[in-house]
Amino acid sequence: MIFAGIDEAGYGPRLGPLVVAANALRFGGTPAGEGWPQCRFLCGPGPVMVCDSKAAYSSAKGIGALERVVLAFAARAGGCPSTVAAFFERFVVDGATETLSRPWYACAARTLPQEIEAKEASDLSARVGETLAAEGYEWLGAQLAVVDETRFNEILERTGNKAVLLFGRNSILMRRLWDAYGRETIYLTADRHGGRKFYAGLLDIAFPEARINILYEDDDDSAYRLEDDEGRVMFVRFKVRSEEVDSAAALSSMWAKYTREILMRAFNDYWLSKADGLVRTAGYWVDAERFIADLLAAGVVTPAQASEFTRWK
């Protein structure tokens, strides 16, 4: 049995990238609970605690808690990545080249880790492996899709719909999971996309070869079963606050947020180097308007130039 989770960071802001992350784990034990099998690991207090990224990160706390978890897992796939470029090469399956080519994201050479020591990540990686194995889990890897603002706007122009853009990045990662692990039966939990309740039509477009059965479509949870003639089976649910009930989804929320914050550091450093007195932004709508106004007032950019790194929606 394969447990997988997908979550995003940066869907709502006006500045900065959208990052969608997926994690997969093989489970050899007997799942607890009735109905949808529970995926729970590394939930308790400890040096590596898998939780909703919002509980692990704030601008005051910094990225240390996120980095400790993400790089402890990343180090299990060939050692702790030493640069942003190495991290992207290993884990970003969509959007890496486009994102790092933007001058405000030209951070490929920056070293990792940024707030913890590489040795700590390596030491924690061994502990993570031991703990997972003791609970019947094997981490299979993480995959990321990154959409910078320019590409975000280009996709919006083609589709006219922000929700379609988000599902499209999800479907890239879902298909990769389906192709790699579908014959082992996948239980995939993803965060609900805004207020969307019905996903069968979108899944039919993403998986034309699969037969799709609707298991249920409730106010906070929608679930489906996909099966094809090659023996692949995947159960997919889109659940409100999925990261609170599913550790694979929570782990993906941490990967997505960590990746976005690494890029936001580069974004802020780039623009703050252009004029004195500028104040960093997290990219959310009201503060983004303030940041753009400050750049315009300082003569750093023209309105046309600002539109190159500003989302339309």
C-alpha atoms as a PDB file:
ATOM      1  CA  MET A   1       0.000   0.000   0.000  1.00  0.00           C
ATOM      2  CA  ILE A   2       1.185   3.499  -0.874  1.00  0.00           C
ATOM      3  CA  PHE A   3       0.219   6.566   1.110  1.00  0.00           C
ATOM      4  CA  ALA A   4       0.644   9.884  -0.675  1.00  0.00           C
ATOM      5  CA  GLY A   5      -0.183  13.484   0.108  1.00  0.00           C
ATOM      6  CA  ILE A   6      -0.313  16.683  -1.923  1.00  0.00           C
ATOM      7  CA  ASP A   7      -0.482  20.253  -0.639  1.00  0.00           C
ATOM      8  CA  GLU A   8       0.402  23.740  -1.846  1.00  0.00           C
ATOM      9  CA  ALA A   9       1.877  26.991  -0.639  1.00  0.00           C
ATOM     10  CA  GLY A  10       1.382  30.338  -2.304  1.00  0.00           C
ATOM     11  CA  TYR A  11      -1.978  29.921  -4.020  1.00  0.00           C
ATOM     12  CA  GLY A  12      -3.452  33.103  -2.543  1.00  0.00           C
ATOM     13  CA  PRO A  13      -0.592  35.676  -2.584  1.00  0.00           C
ATOM     14  CA  ARG A  14      -0.001  38.222  -5.336  1.00  0.00           C
ATOM     15  CA  LEU A  15       3.799  37.989  -5.179  1.00  0.00           C
ATOM     16  CA  GLY A  16       6.018  34.929  -5.092  1.00  0.00           C
ATOM     17  CA  PRO A  17       5.676  31.448  -6.537  1.00  0.00           C
ATOM     18  CA  LEU A  18       2.973  28.849  -6.212  1.00  0.00           C
ATOM     19  CA  VAL A  19       4.530  25.584  -5.021  1.00  0.00           C
ATOM     20  CA  VAL A  20       2.713  22.242  -5.039  1.00  0.00           C
ATOM     21  CA  ALA A  21       4.376  19.291  -3.301  1.00  0.00           C
ATOM     22  CA  ALA A  22       3.758  15.552  -3.182  1.00  0.00           C
ATOM     23  CA  ASN A  23       5.228  12.929  -0.866  1.00  0.00           C
ATOM     24  CA  ALA A  24       4.809   9.163  -1.062  1.00  0.00           C
ATOM     25  CA  LEU A  25       5.439   6.406   1.472  1.00  0.00           C
ATOM     26  CA  ARG A  26       5.139   2.636   1.239  1.00  0.00           C
ATOM     27  CA  PHE A  27       3.300   1.119   4.194  1.00  0.00           C
ATOM     28  CA  GLY A  28       3.746  -2.509   5.167  1.00  0.00           C
ATOM     29  CA  GLY A  29       1.642  -2.625   8.316  1.00  0.00           C
ATOM     30  CA  THR A  30      -2.056  -2.817   9.069  1.00  0.00           C
ATOM     31  CA  PRO A  31      -3.654   0.628   8.808  1.00  0.00           C
ATOM     32  CA  ALA A  32      -5.574   1.888  11.806  1.00  0.00           C
ATOM     33  CA  GLY A  33      -9.116   3.205  11.708  1.00  0.00           C
ATOM     34  CA  GLU A  34     -12.197   2.337   9.735  1.00  0.00           C
ATOM     35  CA  GLY A  35     -12.953   3.631   6.267  1.00  0.00           C
ATOM     36  CA  TRP A  36     -10.100   5.617   4.767  1.00  0.00           C
ATOM     37  CA  PRO A  37      -6.852   4.161   6.207  1.00  0.00           C
ATOM     38  CA  GLN A  38      -4.969   6.515   8.480  1.00  0.00           C
ATOM     39  CA  CYS A  39      -1.492   7.741   7.566  1.00  0.00           C
ATOM     40  CA  ARG A  40       0.158   9.047  10.717  1.00  0.00           C
ATOM     41  CA  PHE A  41       3.882   9.249  11.443  1.00  0.00           C
ATOM     42  CA  LEU A  42       6.283  11.534  13.340  1.00  0.00           C
ATOM     43  CA  CYS A  43       3.335  13.447  14.780  1.00  0.00           C
ATOM     44  CA  GLY A  44       4.525  13.864  18.360  1.00  0.00           C
ATOM     45  CA  PRO A  45       6.920  16.445  19.771  1.00  0.00           C
ATOM     46  CA  GLY A  46      10.511  15.773  18.808  1.00  0.00           C
ATOM     47  CA  PRO A  47      13.413  17.009  16.692  1.00  0.00           C
ATOM     48  CA  VAL A  48      11.491  16.049  13.538  1.00  0.00           C
ATOM     49  CA  MET A  49       7.780  16.750  13.868  1.00  0.00           C
ATOM     50  CA  VAL A  50       5.604  16.431  10.792  1.00  0.00           C
ATOM     51  CA  CYS A  51       2.736  18.914  11.031  1.00  0.00           C
ATOM     52  CA  ASP A  52       0.837  21.579   9.152  1.00  0.00           C
ATOM     53  CA  SER A  53       3.384  24.079   7.842  1.00  0.00           C
ATOM     54  CA  LYS A  54       1.402  26.920   9.392  1.00  0.00           C
ATOM     55  CA  ALA A  55       2.238  25.492  12.821  1.00  0.00           C
ATOM     56  CA  ALA A  56       5.941  25.222  12.004  1.00  0.00           C
ATOM     57  CA  TYR A  57       6.550  28.542  10.263  1.00  0.00           C
ATOM     58  CA  SER A  58       6.068  32.223  10.897  1.00  0.00           C
ATOM     59  CA  SER A  59       8.114  35.212   9.819  1.00  0.00           C
ATOM     60  CA  ALA A  60       9.216  35.564  13.449  1.00  0.00           C
ATOM     61  CA  LYS A  61      10.225  31.897  13.815  1.00  0.00           C
ATOM     62  CA  GLY A  62      12.019  31.674  10.476  1.00  0.00           C
ATOM     63  CA  ILE A  63      12.364  28.548   8.386  1.00  0.00           C
ATOM     64  CA  GLY A  64      14.414  26.487  10.847  1.00  0.00           C
ATOM     65  CA  ALA A  65      11.600  24.124  11.867  1.00  0.00           C
ATOM     66  CA  LEU A  66      10.590  23.585   8.241  1.00  0.00           C
ATOM     67  CA  GLU A  67      14.183  23.120   7.143  1.00  0.00           C
ATOM     68  CA  ARG A  68      14.856  20.568   9.868  1.00  0.00           C
ATOM     69  CA  VAL A  69      12.010  18.345   8.650  1.00  0.00           C
ATOM     70  CA  VAL A  70      12.367  18.867   4.900  1.00  0.00           C
ATOM     71  CA  LEU A  71      16.120  18.355   4.763  1.00  0.00           C
ATOM     72  CA  ALA A  72      15.989  15.393   7.158  1.00  0.00           C
ATOM     73  CA  PHE A  73      13.805  13.679   4.557  1.00  0.00           C
ATOM     74  CA  ALA A  74      15.710  15.118   1.584  1.00  0.00           C
ATOM     75  CA  ALA A  75      18.974  13.722   2.939  1.00  0.00           C
ATOM     76  CA  ARG A  76      17.508  10.247   2.577  1.00  0.00           C
ATOM     77  CA  ALA A  77      17.621  10.708  -1.202  1.00  0.00           C
ATOM     78  CA  GLY A  78      21.348  11.045  -1.773  1.00  0.00           C
ATOM     79  CA  GLY A  79      22.463  13.177   1.148  1.00  0.00           C
ATOM     80  CA  CYS A  80      21.578  16.694   2.223  1.00  0.00           C
ATOM     81  CA  PRO A  81      21.463  18.986  -0.840  1.00  0.00           C
ATOM     82  CA  SER A  82      24.169  21.625  -0.495  1.00  0.00           C
ATOM     83  CA  THR A  83      22.675  24.304  -2.759  1.00  0.00           C
ATOM     84  CA  VAL A  84      19.309  25.485  -3.996  1.00  0.00           C
ATOM     85  CA  ALA A  85      20.298  24.205  -7.445  1.00  0.00           C
ATOM     86  CA  ALA A  86      20.908  20.713  -6.059  1.00  0.00           C
ATOM     87  CA  PHE A  87      17.598  20.780  -4.206  1.00  0.00           C
ATOM     88  CA  PHE A  88      15.727  21.851  -7.354  1.00  0.00           C
ATOM     89  CA  GLU A  89      17.520  19.328  -9.563  1.00  0.00           C
ATOM     90  CA  ARG A  90      16.614  16.492  -7.228  1.00  0.00           C
ATOM     91  CA  PHE A  91      13.010  17.344  -6.356  1.00  0.00           C
ATOM     92  CA  VAL A  92      11.432  19.930  -8.693  1.00  0.00           C
ATOM     93  CA  VAL A  93       9.803  18.075 -11.593  1.00  0.00           C
ATOM     94  CA  ASP A  94       7.979  21.046 -13.124  1.00  0.00           C
ATOM     95  CA  GLY A  95       9.018  24.694 -13.383  1.00  0.00           C
ATOM     96  CA  ALA A  96      12.615  24.587 -12.117  1.00  0.00           C
ATOM     97  CA  THR A  97      14.332  26.113 -15.147  1.00  0.00           C
ATOM     98  CA  GLU A  98      11.749  28.860 -15.632  1.00  0.00           C
ATOM     99  CA  THR A  99      11.728  29.859 -11.977  1.00  0.00           C
ATOM    100  CA  LEU A 100      15.486  30.023 -11.438  1.00  0.00           C
ATOM    101  CA  SER A 101      15.901  31.985 -14.676  1.00  0.00           C
ATOM    102  CA  ARG A 102      14.008  34.986 -13.249  1.00  0.00           C
ATOM    103  CA  PRO A 103      16.508  37.558 -11.927  1.00  0.00           C
ATOM    104  CA  TRP A 104      14.623  37.867  -8.624  1.00  0.00           C
ATOM    105  CA  TYR A 105      14.933  34.075  -8.135  1.00  0.00           C
ATOM    106  CA  ALA A 106      18.565  33.765  -9.254  1.00  0.00           C
ATOM    107  CA  CYS A 107      19.465  31.848  -6.107  1.00  0.00           C
ATOM    108  CA  ALA A 108      20.716  28.538  -7.543  1.00  0.00           C
ATOM    109  CA  ALA A 109      24.155  28.938  -5.956  1.00  0.00           C
ATOM    110  CA  ARG A 110      22.854  29.723  -2.473  1.00  0.00           C
ATOM    111  CA  THR A 111      23.927  27.169   0.095  1.00  0.00           C
ATOM    112  CA  LEU A 112      21.643  24.858   2.020  1.00  0.00           C
ATOM    113  CA  PRO A 113      20.828  24.488   4.818  1.00  0.00           C
ATOM    114  CA  GLN A 114      20.173  28.143   5.643  1.00  0.00           C
ATOM    115  CA  GLU A 115      19.217  28.003   9.335  1.00  0.00           C
ATOM    116  CA  ILE A 116      20.402  24.612  10.586  1.00  0.00           C
ATOM    117  CA  GLU A 117      23.674  22.722  10.128  1.00  0.00           C
ATOM    118  CA  ALA A 118      24.091  20.145   7.368  1.00  0.00           C
ATOM    119  CA  LYS A 119      25.285  17.609   9.949  1.00  0.00           C
ATOM    120  CA  GLU A 120      22.068  18.058  11.903  1.00  0.00           C
ATOM    121  CA  ALA A 121      20.034  17.290   8.791  1.00  0.00           C
ATOM    122  CA  SER A 122      22.116  14.170   8.110  1.00  0.00           C
ATOM    123  CA  ASP A 123      21.868  12.973  11.712  1.00  0.00           C
ATOM    124  CA  LEU A 124      18.126  13.561  11.798  1.00  0.00           C
ATOM    125  CA  SER A 125      17.764  11.756   8.479  1.00  0.00           C
ATOM    126  CA  ALA A 126      19.028   8.533  10.039  1.00  0.00           C
ATOM    127  CA  ARG A 127      16.608   8.918  12.942  1.00  0.00           C
ATOM    128  CA  VAL A 128      13.733   9.558  10.549  1.00  0.00           C
ATOM    129  CA  GLY A 129      14.525   6.363   8.662  1.00  0.00           C
ATOM    130  CA  GLU A 130      14.640   4.329  11.858  1.00  0.00           C
ATOM    131  CA  THR A 131      11.400   5.775  13.208  1.00  0.00           C
ATOM    132  CA  LEU A 132       9.540   5.288   9.948  1.00  0.00           C
ATOM    133  CA  ALA A 133      10.754   1.702   9.623  1.00  0.00           C
ATOM    134  CA  ALA A 134       9.651   0.931  13.165  1.00  0.00           C
ATOM    135  CA  GLU A 135       6.152   2.139  12.278  1.00  0.00           C
ATOM    136  CA  GLY A 136       6.031   0.224   8.994  1.00  0.00           C
ATOM    137  CA  TYR A 137       6.751   3.127   6.619  1.00  0.00           C
ATOM    138  CA  GLU A 138       9.322   3.670   3.877  1.00  0.00           C
ATOM    139  CA  TRP A 139       9.627   7.167   2.449  1.00  0.00           C
ATOM    140  CA  LEU A 140       9.742   6.969  -1.352  1.00  0.00           C
ATOM    141  CA  GLY A 141      10.455  10.590  -2.150  1.00  0.00           C
ATOM    142  CA  ALA A 142       9.091  14.081  -2.741  1.00  0.00           C
ATOM    143  CA  GLN A 143       8.210  15.914  -5.943  1.00  0.00           C
ATOM    144  CA  LEU A 144       7.562  19.613  -6.458  1.00  0.00           C
ATOM    145  CA  ALA A 145       5.869  21.746  -9.097  1.00  0.00           C
ATOM    146  CA  VAL A 146       6.840  25.432  -8.988  1.00  0.00           C
ATOM    147  CA  VAL A 147       5.000  28.194 -10.843  1.00  0.00           C
ATOM    148  CA  ASP A 148       6.637  31.629 -10.842  1.00  0.00           C
ATOM    149  CA  GLU A 149       4.543  34.766 -11.391  1.00  0.00           C
ATOM    150  CA  THR A 150       5.304  35.076 -15.109  1.00  0.00           C
ATOM    151  CA  ARG A 151       4.293  31.495 -15.805  1.00  0.00           C
ATOM    152  CA  PHE A 152       1.327  31.841 -13.444  1.00  0.00           C
ATOM    153  CA  ASN A 153      -0.002  34.700 -15.580  1.00  0.00           C
ATOM    154  CA  GLU A 154       0.687  32.832 -18.829  1.00  0.00           C
ATOM    155  CA  ILE A 155      -1.320  29.823 -17.634  1.00  0.00           C
ATOM    156  CA  LEU A 156      -4.115  32.110 -16.420  1.00  0.00           C
ATOM    157  CA  GLU A 157      -4.238  33.738 -19.833  1.00  0.00           C
ATOM    158  CA  ARG A 158      -4.669  30.319 -21.480  1.00  0.00           C
ATOM    159  CA  THR A 159      -7.168  28.867 -19.018  1.00  0.00           C
ATOM    160  CA  GLY A 160      -8.870  31.944 -17.589  1.00  0.00           C
ATOM    161  CA  ASN A 161      -9.240  30.095 -14.313  1.00  0.00           C
ATOM    162  CA  LYS A 162      -6.993  30.068 -11.254  1.00  0.00           C
ATOM    163  CA  ALA A 163      -8.557  26.839  -9.934  1.00  0.00           C
ATOM    164  CA  VAL A 164      -7.755  25.037 -13.189  1.00  0.00           C
ATOM    165  CA  LEU A 165      -4.150  26.194 -12.846  1.00  0.00           C
ATOM    166  CA  LEU A 166      -3.946  24.679  -9.351  1.00  0.00           C
ATOM    167  CA  PHE A 167      -5.523  21.389 -10.373  1.00  0.00           C
ATOM    168  CA  GLY A 168      -3.192  21.225 -13.354  1.00  0.00           C
ATOM    169  CA  ARG A 169      -0.116  21.309 -11.084  1.00  0.00           C
ATOM    170  CA  ASN A 170      -1.762  18.741  -8.810  1.00  0.00           C
ATOM    171  CA  SER A 171      -2.483  16.474 -11.764  1.00  0.00           C
ATOM    172  CA  ILE A 172       1.172  16.548 -12.885  1.00  0.00           C
ATOM    173  CA  LEU A 173       2.199  15.127  -9.518  1.00  0.00           C
ATOM    174  CA  MET A 174      -0.775  12.769  -9.310  1.00  0.00           C
ATOM    175  CA  ARG A 175       0.058  11.235 -12.680  1.00  0.00           C
ATOM    176  CA  ARG A 176       3.661  10.671 -11.647  1.00  0.00           C
ATOM    177  CA  LEU A 177       2.447   8.859  -8.522  1.00  0.00           C
ATOM    178  CA  TRP A 178      -0.040   6.848 -10.592  1.00  0.00           C
ATOM    179  CA  ASP A 179       2.622   5.791 -13.093  1.00  0.00           C
ATOM    180  CA  ALA A 180       5.185   4.886 -10.440  1.00  0.00           C
ATOM    181  CA  TYR A 181       3.067   3.207  -7.761  1.00  0.00           C
ATOM    182  CA  GLY A 182      -0.412   2.563  -9.129  1.00  0.00           C
ATOM    183  CA  ARG A 183       0.025  -1.207  -9.145  1.00  0.00           C
ATOM    184  CA  GLU A 184       0.600  -1.149  -5.381  1.00  0.00           C
ATOM    185  CA  THR A 185      -2.699   0.693  -4.678  1.00  0.00           C
ATOM    186  CA  ILE A 186      -2.343   4.339  -3.700  1.00  0.00           C
ATOM    187  CA  TYR A 187      -4.270   6.235  -1.061  1.00  0.00           C
ATOM    188  CA  LEU A 188      -3.764   9.891  -1.932  1.00  0.00           C
ATOM    189  CA  THR A 189      -4.964  12.750   0.259  1.00  0.00           C
ATOM    190  CA  ALA A 190      -4.932  16.298  -1.083  1.00  0.00           C
ATOM    191  CA  ASP A 191      -6.160  19.540   0.368  1.00  0.00           C
ATOM    192  CA  ARG A 192      -9.519  20.689  -0.969  1.00  0.00           C
ATOM    193  CA  HIS A 193      -9.170  23.362  -3.662  1.00  0.00           C
ATOM    194  CA  GLY A 194     -11.030  26.339  -2.238  1.00  0.00           C
ATOM    195  CA  GLY A 195     -14.754  25.629  -2.189  1.00  0.00           C
ATOM    196  CA  ARG A 196     -14.672  23.013  -4.961  1.00  0.00           C
ATOM    197  CA  LYS A 197     -16.697  19.933  -4.001  1.00  0.00           C
ATOM    198  CA  PHE A 198     -16.817  17.922  -7.243  1.00  0.00           C
ATOM    199  CA  TYR A 199     -13.647  16.539  -8.884  1.00  0.00           C
ATOM    200  CA  ALA A 200     -14.763  13.613 -11.033  1.00  0.00           C
ATOM    201  CA  GLY A 201     -14.766  15.644 -14.239  1.00  0.00           C
ATOM    202  CA  LEU A 202     -11.275  17.004 -13.635  1.00  0.00           C
ATOM    203  CA  LEU A 203      -9.967  13.544 -12.748  1.00  0.00           C
ATOM    204  CA  ASP A 204     -11.483  12.174 -15.959  1.00  0.00           C
ATOM    205  CA  ILE A 205      -9.509  14.729 -17.976  1.00  0.00           C
ATOM    206  CA  ALA A 206      -6.271  14.002 -16.085  1.00  0.00           C
ATOM    207  CA  PHE A 207      -6.713  10.196 -16.208  1.00  0.00           C
ATOM    208  CA  PRO A 208      -8.566   9.386 -19.457  1.00  0.00           C
ATOM    209  CA  GLU A 209      -7.522   5.731 -19.273  1.00  0.00           C
ATOM    210  CA  ALA A 210      -9.028   5.221 -15.812  1.00  0.00           C
ATOM    211  CA  ARG A 211     -12.499   4.252 -14.680  1.00  0.00           C
ATOM    212  CA  ILE A 212     -13.521   6.721 -11.994  1.00  0.00           C
ATOM    213  CA  ASN A 213     -16.007   5.867  -9.269  1.00  0.00           C
ATOM    214  CA  ILE A 214     -17.364   8.527  -6.937  1.00  0.00           C
ATOM    215  CA  LEU A 215     -17.143   7.210  -3.373  1.00  0.00           C
ATOM    216  CA  TYR A 216     -18.651  10.282  -1.718  1.00  0.00           C
ATOM    217  CA  GLU A 217     -18.780  14.062  -2.122  1.00  0.00           C
ATOM    218  CA  ASP A 218     -19.477  15.696   1.240  1.00  0.00           C
ATOM    219  CA  ASP A 219     -19.179  19.248   2.520  1.00  0.00           C
ATOM    220  CA  ASP A 220     -15.589  18.767   3.718  1.00  0.00           C
ATOM    221  CA  ASP A 221     -14.414  15.612   1.948  1.00  0.00           C
ATOM    222  CA  SER A 222     -14.701  14.215  -1.603  1.00  0.00           C
ATOM    223  CA  ALA A 223     -13.299  10.780  -2.486  1.00  0.00           C
ATOM    224  CA  TYR A 224     -12.854   8.761  -5.695  1.00  0.00           C
ATOM    225  CA  ARG A 225     -11.533   5.405  -6.872  1.00  0.00           C
ATOM    226  CA  LEU A 226      -9.491   5.226 -10.093  1.00  0.00           C
ATOM    227  CA  GLU A 227      -8.698   1.928 -11.832  1.00  0.00           C
ATOM    228  CA  ASP A 228      -7.385   1.021 -15.277  1.00  0.00           C
ATOM    229  CA  ASP A 229      -6.904  -2.128 -17.343  1.00  0.00           C
ATOM    230  CA  GLU A 230      -3.230  -2.385 -16.382  1.00  0.00           C
ATOM    231  CA  GLY A 231      -4.055  -3.079 -12.740  1.00  0.00           C
ATOM    232  CA  ARG A 232      -3.383   0.392 -11.386  1.00  0.00           C
ATOM    233  CA  VAL A 233      -5.626   1.534  -8.542  1.00  0.00           C
ATOM    234  CA  MET A 234      -5.634   4.890  -6.776  1.00  0.00           C
ATOM    235  CA  PHE A 235      -7.997   6.213  -4.153  1.00  0.00           C
ATOM    236  CA  VAL A 236      -8.031  10.019  -4.114  1.00  0.00           C
ATOM    237  CA  ARG A 237      -9.658  12.316  -1.607  1.00  0.00           C
ATOM    238  CA  PHE A 238      -9.776  16.095  -1.434  1.00  0.00           C
ATOM    239  CA  LYS A 239     -10.274  17.045   2.201  1.00  0.00           C
ATOM    240  CA  VAL A 240     -10.654  20.321   4.050  1.00  0.00           C
ATOM    241  CA  ARG A 241      -7.626  20.808   6.340  1.00  0.00           C
ATOM    242  CA  SER A 242      -6.121  17.558   5.086  1.00  0.00           C
ATOM    243  CA  GLU A 243      -2.772  18.339   6.712  1.00  0.00           C
ATOM    244  CA  GLU A 244      -4.409  18.045  10.142  1.00  0.00           C
ATOM    245  CA  VAL A 245      -5.489  14.424   9.633  1.00  0.00           C
ATOM    246  CA  ASP A 246      -2.961  12.958   7.183  1.00  0.00           C
ATOM    247  CA  SER A 247       0.806  12.998   7.750  1.00  0.00           C
ATOM    248  CA  ALA A 248       1.689  12.604   4.057  1.00  0.00           C
ATOM    249  CA  ALA A 249      -0.347  15.728   3.294  1.00  0.00           C
ATOM    250  CA  ALA A 250       1.205  17.549   6.263  1.00  0.00           C
ATOM    251  CA  LEU A 251       4.704  16.615   5.104  1.00  0.00           C
ATOM    252  CA  SER A 252       3.888  17.953   1.651  1.00  0.00           C
ATOM    253  CA  SER A 253       2.621  21.204   3.143  1.00  0.00           C
ATOM    254  CA  MET A 254       6.029  21.598   4.825  1.00  0.00           C
ATOM    255  CA  TRP A 255       7.912  20.872   1.599  1.00  0.00           C
ATOM    256  CA  ALA A 256       5.777  23.353  -0.345  1.00  0.00           C
ATOM    257  CA  LYS A 257       6.127  26.112   2.249  1.00  0.00           C
ATOM    258  CA  TYR A 258       9.882  25.588   2.667  1.00  0.00           C
ATOM    259  CA  THR A 259      10.449  25.832  -1.084  1.00  0.00           C
ATOM    260  CA  ARG A 260       8.324  28.953  -1.382  1.00  0.00           C
ATOM    261  CA  GLU A 261      10.111  30.642   1.524  1.00  0.00           C
ATOM    262  CA  ILE A 262      13.562  29.887   0.059  1.00  0.00           C
ATOM    263  CA  LEU A 263      12.428  31.634  -3.113  1.00  0.00           C
ATOM    264  CA  MET A 264      10.800  34.516  -1.228  1.00  0.00           C
ATOM    265  CA  ARG A 265      14.108  35.179   0.538  1.00  0.00           C
ATOM    266  CA  ALA A 266      15.768  35.515  -2.848  1.00  0.00           C
ATOM    267  CA  PHE A 267      12.907  37.683  -4.115  1.00  0.00           C
ATOM    268  CA  ASN A 268      13.170  40.095  -1.193  1.00  0.00           C
ATOM    269  CA  ASP A 269      16.975  40.192  -1.235  1.00  0.00           C
ATOM    270  CA  TYR A 270      16.961  41.054  -4.937  1.00  0.00           C
ATOM    271  CA  TRP A 271      14.543  43.965  -4.687  1.00  0.00           C
ATOM    272  CA  LEU A 272      15.865  45.321  -1.376  1.00  0.00           C
ATOM    273  CA  SER A 273      19.313  45.551  -2.964  1.00  0.00           C
ATOM    274  CA  LYS A 274      17.920  48.069  -5.447  1.00  0.00           C
ATOM    275  CA  ALA A 275      17.066  50.888  -3.008  1.00  0.00           C
ATOM    276  CA  ASP A 276      17.413  51.851   0.639  1.00  0.00           C
ATOM    277  CA  GLY A 277      14.456  51.806   3.016  1.00  0.00           C
ATOM    278  CA  LEU A 278      12.471  49.006   1.384  1.00  0.00           C
ATOM    279  CA  VAL A 279      10.742  46.529   3.721  1.00  0.00           C
ATOM    280  CA  ARG A 280      10.387  42.829   3.031  1.00  0.00           C
ATOM    281  CA  THR A 281       7.070  41.335   1.949  1.00  0.00           C
ATOM    282  CA  ALA A 282       5.462  37.935   2.427  1.00  0.00           C
ATOM    283  CA  GLY A 283       3.627  38.490  -0.864  1.00  0.00           C
ATOM    284  CA  TYR A 284       0.049  38.450   0.401  1.00  0.00           C
ATOM    285  CA  TRP A 285      -2.348  40.779  -1.337  1.00  0.00           C
ATOM    286  CA  VAL A 286      -2.464  43.930   0.841  1.00  0.00           C
ATOM    287  CA  ASP A 287       1.220  43.837   1.708  1.00  0.00           C
ATOM    288  CA  ALA A 288       2.078  43.077  -1.912  1.00  0.00           C
ATOM    289  CA  GLU A 289       0.304  46.285  -2.945  1.00  0.00           C
ATOM    290  CA  ARG A 290       2.395  48.167  -0.378  1.00  0.00           C
ATOM    291  CA  PHE A 291       5.619  46.565  -1.622  1.00  0.00           C
ATOM    292  CA  ILE A 292       4.886  47.313  -5.279  1.00  0.00           C
ATOM    293  CA  ALA A 293       3.985  50.913  -4.409  1.00  0.00           C
ATOM    294  CA  ASP A 294       7.286  51.265  -2.536  1.00  0.00           C
ATOM    295  CA  LEU A 295       9.244  49.958  -5.522  1.00  0.00           C
ATOM    296  CA  LEU A 296       7.442  52.373  -7.843  1.00  0.00           C
ATOM    297  CA  ALA A 297       7.961  55.303  -5.482  1.00  0.00           C
ATOM    298  CA  ALA A 298      11.684  54.508  -5.201  1.00  0.00           C
ATOM    299  CA  GLY A 299      12.000  54.416  -8.979  1.00  0.00           C
ATOM    300  CA  VAL A 300      13.190  50.818  -8.898  1.00  0.00           C
ATOM    301  CA  VAL A 301      10.639  49.639 -11.478  1.00  0.00           C
ATOM    302  CA  THR A 302       8.098  51.035 -13.886  1.00  0.00           C
ATOM    303  CA  PRO A 303       4.483  49.821 -13.826  1.00  0.00           C
ATOM    304  CA  ALA A 304       5.228  47.672 -16.876  1.00  0.00           C
ATOM    305  CA  GLN A 305       8.235  46.105 -15.170  1.00  0.00           C
ATOM    306  CA  ALA A 306       6.245  45.490 -11.970  1.00  0.00           C
ATOM    307  CA  SER A 307       3.676  43.538 -13.979  1.00  0.00           C
ATOM    308  CA  GLU A 308       6.382  40.991 -14.834  1.00  0.00           C
ATOM    309  CA  PHE A 309       6.524  39.737 -11.235  1.00  0.00           C
ATOM    310  CA  THR A 310       2.953  40.500 -10.149  1.00  0.00           C
ATOM    311  CA  ARG A 311       0.118  38.003 -10.495  1.00  0.00           C
ATOM    312  CA  TRP A 312      -3.094  39.105 -12.139  1.00  0.00           C
ATOM    313  CA  LYS A 313      -5.255  37.073  -9.740  1.00  0.00           C
END
